[in-house]
C-alpha atoms as a PDB file:
ATOM      1  CA  MET A   1     -24.424  18.475   5.113  1.00  0.00           C
ATOM      2  CA  SER A   2     -24.499  15.704   7.721  1.00  0.00           C
ATOM      3  CA  ILE A   3     -21.431  13.789   8.858  1.00  0.00           C
ATOM      4  CA  SER A   4     -22.731  10.579   7.309  1.00  0.00           C
ATOM      5  CA  LYS A   5     -23.315  12.244   3.924  1.00  0.00           C
ATOM      6  CA  LYS A   6     -19.849  13.798   3.955  1.00  0.00           C
ATOM      7  CA  LEU A   7     -18.365  10.367   4.676  1.00  0.00           C
ATOM      8  CA  ILE A   8     -20.313   8.766   1.855  1.00  0.00           C
ATOM      9  CA  ASN A   9     -19.302  11.509  -0.586  1.00  0.00           C
ATOM     10  CA  ILE A  10     -15.603  11.245   0.286  1.00  0.00           C
ATOM     11  CA  LYS A  11     -15.619   7.449   0.107  1.00  0.00           C
ATOM     12  CA  ALA A  12     -17.165   7.683  -3.356  1.00  0.00           C
ATOM     13  CA  THR A  13     -14.080   9.583  -4.562  1.00  0.00           C
ATOM     14  CA  LEU A  14     -11.576   7.023  -3.256  1.00  0.00           C
ATOM     15  CA  PRO A  15     -10.132   4.157  -5.302  1.00  0.00           C
ATOM     16  CA  LYS A  16     -10.974   0.708  -3.951  1.00  0.00           C
ATOM     17  CA  ASN A  17      -7.432   0.184  -2.646  1.00  0.00           C
ATOM     18  CA  VAL A  18      -7.477   3.350  -0.501  1.00  0.00           C
ATOM     19  CA  SER A  19      -8.584   3.318   3.144  1.00  0.00           C
ATOM     20  CA  LEU A  20     -10.188   6.309   4.838  1.00  0.00           C
ATOM     21  CA  VAL A  21      -9.204   7.138   8.413  1.00  0.00           C
ATOM     22  CA  ALA A  22     -11.860   9.453   9.864  1.00  0.00           C
ATOM     23  CA  VAL A  23      -9.961  11.694  12.278  1.00  0.00           C
ATOM     24  CA  THR A  24     -12.080  12.376  15.361  1.00  0.00           C
ATOM     25  CA  LYS A  25      -9.870  14.647  17.493  1.00  0.00           C
ATOM     26  CA  THR A  26     -11.935  17.065  19.623  1.00  0.00           C
ATOM     27  CA  LYS A  27     -15.178  15.468  18.375  1.00  0.00           C
ATOM     28  CA  THR A  28     -17.948  14.288  20.684  1.00  0.00           C
ATOM     29  CA  ILE A  29     -19.183  10.748  21.162  1.00  0.00           C
ATOM     30  CA  ASN A  30     -22.452  11.686  19.438  1.00  0.00           C
ATOM     31  CA  GLU A  31     -20.609  13.032  16.400  1.00  0.00           C
ATOM     32  CA  ILE A  32     -18.441   9.929  16.207  1.00  0.00           C
ATOM     33  CA  MET A  33     -21.486   7.681  16.552  1.00  0.00           C
ATOM     34  CA  GLU A  34     -23.039   9.351  13.512  1.00  0.00           C
ATOM     35  CA  ALA A  35     -20.024   8.188  11.514  1.00  0.00           C
ATOM     36  CA  TYR A  36     -20.223   4.767  13.151  1.00  0.00           C
ATOM     37  CA  ASP A  37     -23.930   4.403  12.387  1.00  0.00           C
ATOM     38  CA  SER A  38     -23.199   5.121   8.736  1.00  0.00           C
ATOM     39  CA  GLY A  39     -21.029   1.997   8.742  1.00  0.00           C
ATOM     40  CA  HIS A  40     -17.582   3.546   9.202  1.00  0.00           C
ATOM     41  CA  ARG A  41     -15.199   1.699  11.523  1.00  0.00           C
ATOM     42  CA  LEU A  42     -11.760   3.196  10.897  1.00  0.00           C
ATOM     43  CA  LEU A  43     -11.027   6.151  13.208  1.00  0.00           C
ATOM     44  CA  GLY A  44      -7.908   8.159  14.013  1.00  0.00           C
ATOM     45  CA  GLU A  45      -6.701  10.260  16.934  1.00  0.00           C
ATOM     46  CA  ASN A  46      -3.556  12.307  17.498  1.00  0.00           C
ATOM     47  CA  LYS A  47      -3.533  12.166  21.322  1.00  0.00           C
ATOM     48  CA  ILE A  48      -3.354   8.909  23.219  1.00  0.00           C
ATOM     49  CA  GLN A  49      -5.399  10.098  26.226  1.00  0.00           C
ATOM     50  CA  GLU A  50      -8.260  11.195  24.001  1.00  0.00           C
ATOM     51  CA  MET A  51      -8.152   7.960  22.014  1.00  0.00           C
ATOM     52  CA  VAL A  52      -8.222   5.830  25.180  1.00  0.00           C
ATOM     53  CA  ALA A  53     -11.240   7.730  26.524  1.00  0.00           C
ATOM     54  CA  LYS A  54     -13.127   7.305  23.259  1.00  0.00           C
ATOM     55  CA  TRP A  55     -12.147   3.639  22.947  1.00  0.00           C
ATOM     56  CA  SER A  56     -13.611   3.053  26.421  1.00  0.00           C
ATOM     57  CA  ALA A  57     -16.896   4.756  25.510  1.00  0.00           C
ATOM     58  CA  LEU A  58     -17.454   3.506  21.974  1.00  0.00           C
ATOM     59  CA  PRO A  59     -18.190   0.113  20.329  1.00  0.00           C
ATOM     60  CA  LYS A  60     -15.261  -2.265  20.341  1.00  0.00           C
ATOM     61  CA  ASP A  61     -15.375  -3.136  16.635  1.00  0.00           C
ATOM     62  CA  ILE A  62     -13.852   0.255  15.812  1.00  0.00           C
ATOM     63  CA  LYS A  63     -10.283   0.104  14.515  1.00  0.00           C
ATOM     64  CA  TRP A  64      -8.302   2.897  16.139  1.00  0.00           C
ATOM     65  CA  HIS A  65      -5.301   4.492  14.448  1.00  0.00           C
ATOM     66  CA  MET A  66      -2.821   6.658  16.344  1.00  0.00           C
ATOM     67  CA  ILE A  67      -1.774   9.345  13.870  1.00  0.00           C
ATOM     68  CA  GLY A  68      -0.016  11.908  16.102  1.00  0.00           C
ATOM     69  CA  HIS A  69       3.435  12.256  17.610  1.00  0.00           C
ATOM     70  CA  ILE A  70       3.969   9.745  20.424  1.00  0.00           C
ATOM     71  CA  GLN A  71       5.628   9.954  23.821  1.00  0.00           C
ATOM     72  CA  ARG A  72       7.127   6.591  24.708  1.00  0.00           C
ATOM     73  CA  ASN A  73       5.788   6.616  28.275  1.00  0.00           C
ATOM     74  CA  LYS A  74       2.207   6.679  26.961  1.00  0.00           C
ATOM     75  CA  VAL A  75       2.424   3.723  24.567  1.00  0.00           C
ATOM     76  CA  LYS A  76       1.231   1.359  27.312  1.00  0.00           C
ATOM     77  CA  TYR A  77      -2.188   3.018  27.406  1.00  0.00           C
ATOM     78  CA  MET A  78      -3.037   2.253  23.783  1.00  0.00           C
ATOM     79  CA  ALA A  79      -1.181  -1.044  23.401  1.00  0.00           C
ATOM     80  CA  PRO A  80      -4.203  -3.212  24.369  1.00  0.00           C
ATOM     81  CA  PHE A  81      -6.298  -2.050  21.418  1.00  0.00           C
ATOM     82  CA  VAL A  82      -4.595   0.231  18.864  1.00  0.00           C
ATOM     83  CA  SER A  83      -4.854  -1.106  15.325  1.00  0.00           C
ATOM     84  CA  LEU A  84      -2.157   0.925  13.538  1.00  0.00           C
ATOM     85  CA  ILE A  85       0.426   3.463  14.718  1.00  0.00           C
ATOM     86  CA  HIS A  86       1.282   5.951  11.960  1.00  0.00           C
ATOM     87  CA  ALA A  87       3.928   8.242  13.444  1.00  0.00           C
ATOM     88  CA  VAL A  88       6.824   5.935  14.347  1.00  0.00           C
ATOM     89  CA  ASP A  89      10.041   7.923  14.070  1.00  0.00           C
ATOM     90  CA  SER A  90      12.744   6.211  16.155  1.00  0.00           C
ATOM     91  CA  LEU A  91      14.137   2.836  17.141  1.00  0.00           C
ATOM     92  CA  LYS A  92      13.521   3.645  20.820  1.00  0.00           C
ATOM     93  CA  LEU A  93       9.815   4.098  20.090  1.00  0.00           C
ATOM     94  CA  ILE A  94       9.682   0.850  18.122  1.00  0.00           C
ATOM     95  CA  ILE A  95      11.300  -1.025  21.005  1.00  0.00           C
ATOM     96  CA  GLU A  96       8.745   0.410  23.442  1.00  0.00           C
ATOM     97  CA  ILE A  97       5.818  -0.478  21.169  1.00  0.00           C
ATOM     98  CA  ASN A  98       7.160  -4.015  20.870  1.00  0.00           C
ATOM     99  CA  LYS A  99       7.555  -4.243  24.660  1.00  0.00           C
ATOM    100  CA  GLN A 100       3.982  -3.139  25.319  1.00  0.00           C
ATOM    101  CA  ALA A 101       2.588  -5.301  22.517  1.00  0.00           C
ATOM    102  CA  LEU A 102       4.321  -8.330  24.043  1.00  0.00           C
ATOM    103  CA  LYS A 103       2.756  -7.571  27.426  1.00  0.00           C
ATOM    104  CA  ASN A 104      -0.651  -7.580  25.755  1.00  0.00           C
ATOM    105  CA  GLN A 105       0.111 -10.664  23.645  1.00  0.00           C
ATOM    106  CA  ARG A 106      -0.419  -8.702  20.443  1.00  0.00           C
ATOM    107  CA  VAL A 107       1.395  -7.797  17.254  1.00  0.00           C
ATOM    108  CA  ILE A 108       0.970  -4.085  16.520  1.00  0.00           C
ATOM    109  CA  ASP A 109       1.224  -2.712  12.985  1.00  0.00           C
ATOM    110  CA  CYS A 110       3.298   0.445  12.517  1.00  0.00           C
ATOM    111  CA  LEU A 111       4.241   2.972   9.850  1.00  0.00           C
ATOM    112  CA  LEU A 112       7.526   4.843   9.730  1.00  0.00           C
ATOM    113  CA  GLN A 113       6.954   8.598   9.586  1.00  0.00           C
ATOM    114  CA  ILE A 114       9.206  10.212   6.997  1.00  0.00           C
ATOM    115  CA  LYS A 115       9.752  13.973   7.104  1.00  0.00           C
ATOM    116  CA  ILE A 116       8.783  15.298   3.685  1.00  0.00           C
ATOM    117  CA  ALA A 117       7.635  18.833   4.599  1.00  0.00           C
ATOM    118  CA  SER A 118       9.823  21.927   4.530  1.00  0.00           C
ATOM    119  CA  GLU A 119       8.497  23.039   7.924  1.00  0.00           C
ATOM    120  CA  GLU A 120      10.786  22.468  10.900  1.00  0.00           C
ATOM    121  CA  SER A 121       7.763  21.839  13.130  1.00  0.00           C
ATOM    122  CA  LYS A 122       6.868  18.623  11.310  1.00  0.00           C
ATOM    123  CA  PHE A 123       8.082  15.344  12.832  1.00  0.00           C
ATOM    124  CA  GLY A 124       9.587  12.375  11.043  1.00  0.00           C
ATOM    125  CA  MET A 125      12.884  10.747  10.133  1.00  0.00           C
ATOM    126  CA  SER A 126      14.956  11.202   7.001  1.00  0.00           C
ATOM    127  CA  GLU A 127      14.975   8.533   4.305  1.00  0.00           C
ATOM    128  CA  ASN A 128      18.565   7.679   5.228  1.00  0.00           C
ATOM    129  CA  ASP A 129      17.685   7.290   8.912  1.00  0.00           C
ATOM    130  CA  ALA A 130      14.805   5.009   7.937  1.00  0.00           C
ATOM    131  CA  LEU A 131      17.137   2.834   5.857  1.00  0.00           C
ATOM    132  CA  ILE A 132      19.580   2.579   8.757  1.00  0.00           C
ATOM    133  CA  LEU A 133      16.769   1.709  11.170  1.00  0.00           C
ATOM    134  CA  LEU A 134      15.332  -0.997   8.915  1.00  0.00           C
ATOM    135  CA  ALA A 135      18.787  -2.554   8.514  1.00  0.00           C
ATOM    136  CA  THR A 136      19.607  -2.779  12.222  1.00  0.00           C
ATOM    137  CA  GLU A 137      19.865  -6.168  13.847  1.00  0.00           C
ATOM    138  CA  ASP A 138      17.868  -4.876  16.826  1.00  0.00           C
ATOM    139  CA  ILE A 139      14.698  -4.450  14.795  1.00  0.00           C
ATOM    140  CA  LYS A 140      14.936  -7.923  13.303  1.00  0.00           C
ATOM    141  CA  GLU A 141      14.611  -9.412  16.802  1.00  0.00           C
ATOM    142  CA  LEU A 142      11.330  -7.657  17.601  1.00  0.00           C
ATOM    143  CA  GLN A 143       8.458 -10.110  17.155  1.00  0.00           C
ATOM    144  CA  ASN A 144       5.505  -8.024  18.352  1.00  0.00           C
ATOM    145  CA  ILE A 145       5.617  -5.155  15.884  1.00  0.00           C
ATOM    146  CA  ARG A 146       5.114  -5.224  12.148  1.00  0.00           C
ATOM    147  CA  ILE A 147       6.260  -2.311   9.991  1.00  0.00           C
ATOM    148  CA  ILE A 148       3.833  -2.264   7.068  1.00  0.00           C
ATOM    149  CA  GLY A 149       4.623   1.024   5.323  1.00  0.00           C
ATOM    150  CA  LEU A 150       5.277   4.737   5.536  1.00  0.00           C
ATOM    151  CA  MET A 151       3.484   7.924   6.582  1.00  0.00           C
ATOM    152  CA  GLY A 152       4.180  11.514   5.638  1.00  0.00           C
ATOM    153  CA  MET A 153       2.740  15.006   6.102  1.00  0.00           C
ATOM    154  CA  ALA A 154       3.174  17.568   3.343  1.00  0.00           C
ATOM    155  CA  THR A 155       4.005  21.212   3.902  1.00  0.00           C
ATOM    156  CA  PHE A 156       1.008  23.349   4.903  1.00  0.00           C
ATOM    157  CA  THR A 157       0.866  25.532   1.809  1.00  0.00           C
ATOM    158  CA  ASN A 158      -1.409  26.541  -1.062  1.00  0.00           C
ATOM    159  CA  ASN A 159       1.299  25.508  -3.514  1.00  0.00           C
ATOM    160  CA  SER A 160      -0.148  22.293  -4.917  1.00  0.00           C
ATOM    161  CA  ASN A 161       2.981  21.643  -6.987  1.00  0.00           C
ATOM    162  CA  GLN A 162       5.107  21.590  -3.841  1.00  0.00           C
ATOM    163  CA  ILE A 163       2.676  19.265  -2.073  1.00  0.00           C
ATOM    164  CA  SER A 164       2.595  16.970  -5.086  1.00  0.00           C
ATOM    165  CA  LYS A 165       6.398  16.847  -5.283  1.00  0.00           C
ATOM    166  CA  GLU A 166       6.681  15.981  -1.587  1.00  0.00           C
ATOM    167  CA  PHE A 167       4.163  13.154  -1.987  1.00  0.00           C
ATOM    168  CA  GLN A 168       5.903  11.952  -5.172  1.00  0.00           C
ATOM    169  CA  ASN A 169       9.247  11.722  -3.415  1.00  0.00           C
ATOM    170  CA  LEU A 170       7.768   9.654  -0.598  1.00  0.00           C
ATOM    171  CA  LYS A 171       6.010   7.361  -3.083  1.00  0.00           C
ATOM    172  CA  ILE A 172       9.324   6.730  -4.849  1.00  0.00           C
ATOM    173  CA  PHE A 173      10.961   5.850  -1.517  1.00  0.00           C
ATOM    174  CA  TYR A 174       7.988   3.646  -0.584  1.00  0.00           C
ATOM    175  CA  ASP A 175       8.211   1.753  -3.880  1.00  0.00           C
ATOM    176  CA  THR A 176      11.945   1.232  -3.385  1.00  0.00           C
ATOM    177  CA  LEU A 177      11.405  -0.282   0.063  1.00  0.00           C
ATOM    178  CA  LYS A 178       8.466  -2.329  -1.158  1.00  0.00           C
ATOM    179  CA  GLU A 179      10.781  -4.286  -3.451  1.00  0.00           C
ATOM    180  CA  THR A 180      12.281  -6.065  -0.443  1.00  0.00           C
ATOM    181  CA  ARG A 181       9.626  -5.624   2.250  1.00  0.00           C
ATOM    182  CA  HIS A 182       5.990  -6.574   2.722  1.00  0.00           C
ATOM    183  CA  PHE A 183       4.772  -2.997   2.660  1.00  0.00           C
ATOM    184  CA  THR A 184       1.059  -2.434   2.070  1.00  0.00           C
ATOM    185  CA  THR A 185       0.365   1.092   3.339  1.00  0.00           C
ATOM    186  CA  LEU A 186       1.364   4.584   2.238  1.00  0.00           C
ATOM    187  CA  SER A 187      -0.455   6.989   4.542  1.00  0.00           C
ATOM    188  CA  ILE A 188      -0.421  10.411   2.860  1.00  0.00           C
ATOM    189  CA  GLY A 189      -3.164  12.995   2.455  1.00  0.00           C
ATOM    190  CA  MET A 190      -5.387  14.924   4.865  1.00  0.00           C
ATOM    191  CA  SER A 191      -8.529  17.052   4.493  1.00  0.00           C
ATOM    192  CA  ASP A 192      -6.825  19.825   2.498  1.00  0.00           C
ATOM    193  CA  ASP A 193      -4.555  17.750   0.290  1.00  0.00           C
ATOM    194  CA  TYR A 194      -5.881  14.190   0.038  1.00  0.00           C
ATOM    195  CA  PRO A 195      -6.935  14.591  -3.652  1.00  0.00           C
ATOM    196  CA  ILE A 196      -3.276  15.369  -4.472  1.00  0.00           C
ATOM    197  CA  ALA A 197      -2.167  12.388  -2.366  1.00  0.00           C
ATOM    198  CA  LEU A 198      -4.499  10.063  -4.297  1.00  0.00           C
ATOM    199  CA  VAL A 199      -2.887  11.093  -7.590  1.00  0.00           C
ATOM    200  CA  ASN A 200       0.498  10.322  -6.048  1.00  0.00           C
ATOM    201  CA  GLY A 201      -0.206   6.788  -4.893  1.00  0.00           C
ATOM    202  CA  SER A 202      -1.699   7.078  -1.412  1.00  0.00           C
ATOM    203  CA  THR A 203      -3.273   3.910  -0.024  1.00  0.00           C
ATOM    204  CA  MET A 204      -4.599   5.594   3.139  1.00  0.00           C
ATOM    205  CA  VAL A 205      -5.909   9.126   3.746  1.00  0.00           C
ATOM    206  CA  ARG A 206      -6.483  10.784   7.127  1.00  0.00           C
ATOM    207  CA  VAL A 207      -9.501  13.094   6.923  1.00  0.00           C
ATOM    208  CA  GLY A 208     -11.022  15.011   9.829  1.00  0.00           C
ATOM    209  CA  SER A 209     -12.433  18.480   9.237  1.00  0.00           C
ATOM    210  CA  ALA A 210     -13.786  17.595   5.788  1.00  0.00           C
ATOM    211  CA  ILE A 211     -16.007  15.030   7.546  1.00  0.00           C
ATOM    212  CA  PHE A 212     -16.704  16.479  10.998  1.00  0.00           C
ATOM    213  CA  GLY A 213     -16.238  20.205  10.403  1.00  0.00           C
ATOM    214  CA  ASN A 214     -13.798  22.519  12.157  1.00  0.00           C
ATOM    215  CA  ARG A 215     -12.255  21.257  15.376  1.00  0.00           C
ATOM    216  CA  ASN A 216     -13.357  22.560  18.752  1.00  0.00           C
ATOM    217  CA  TYR A 217     -10.301  23.412  20.868  1.00  0.00           C
ATOM    218  CA  SER A 218     -12.210  25.369  23.515  1.00  0.00           C
END
C-alpha cells in the first residue's frame, strides 16, 4: 500500500479532535513528499540535525514537531522554525528554548514529557517534578515559550492492559492540570499503540512505521 493511502486510512480512524504527526525519521525526501502531496503538513523528527536538513529541503508550509530527547546546545538550530517541541523534561531546557525563541522573535509551543513507562531507558519527568516546575517563579517570567500540554511514551510491551493503564494515568494528570492551565494537547500513542491511546483521550498521535514502513538505519 502506498504512503498516501496509509495516511488516508489512518486519518479516517482518528476523531476530529486528534492530530496526526507523521514521523519521518530515516525517510527520504521523496518518501516525505509523497505524504506532502497527499495534503499532509504535520511532520515529526527525533533528531534535530535530521529535522534541520529536511526543513531546508522541503516546502516551508510544513509544521515540524521535535519528538525526541533534546540536547540543550542544539536547540538553536531548530528555534527558527520548529512548531512544537514534545519532549521537554527540565527547567534548564525550557530556559534554553525560551532564550533561542527570543532570539528568533518567536513563541515556541512545548509539551512536558512525563515518564509513564516502566522502562528505565525512557525519558521524562515525574508528575511531582512537573508540578514543581510549573509552580516555579522562573517559568512564569518566560515570555517566548508556551506549555500547551503533556507527552508520554508507554512501555514497549504486548501487554495492552499495561499500556492502557499508563495512558490512563497520564490522562488523569493532564485533566487535573487542565483545570488551571490552557492545555490543549495530550501527545500519546505511536504506530504500535495509538489505537489504545485514542481510547484513553489522546489528542495527538505520533505515527511513523505504520505510514512509511520500517525505518532504514543503514
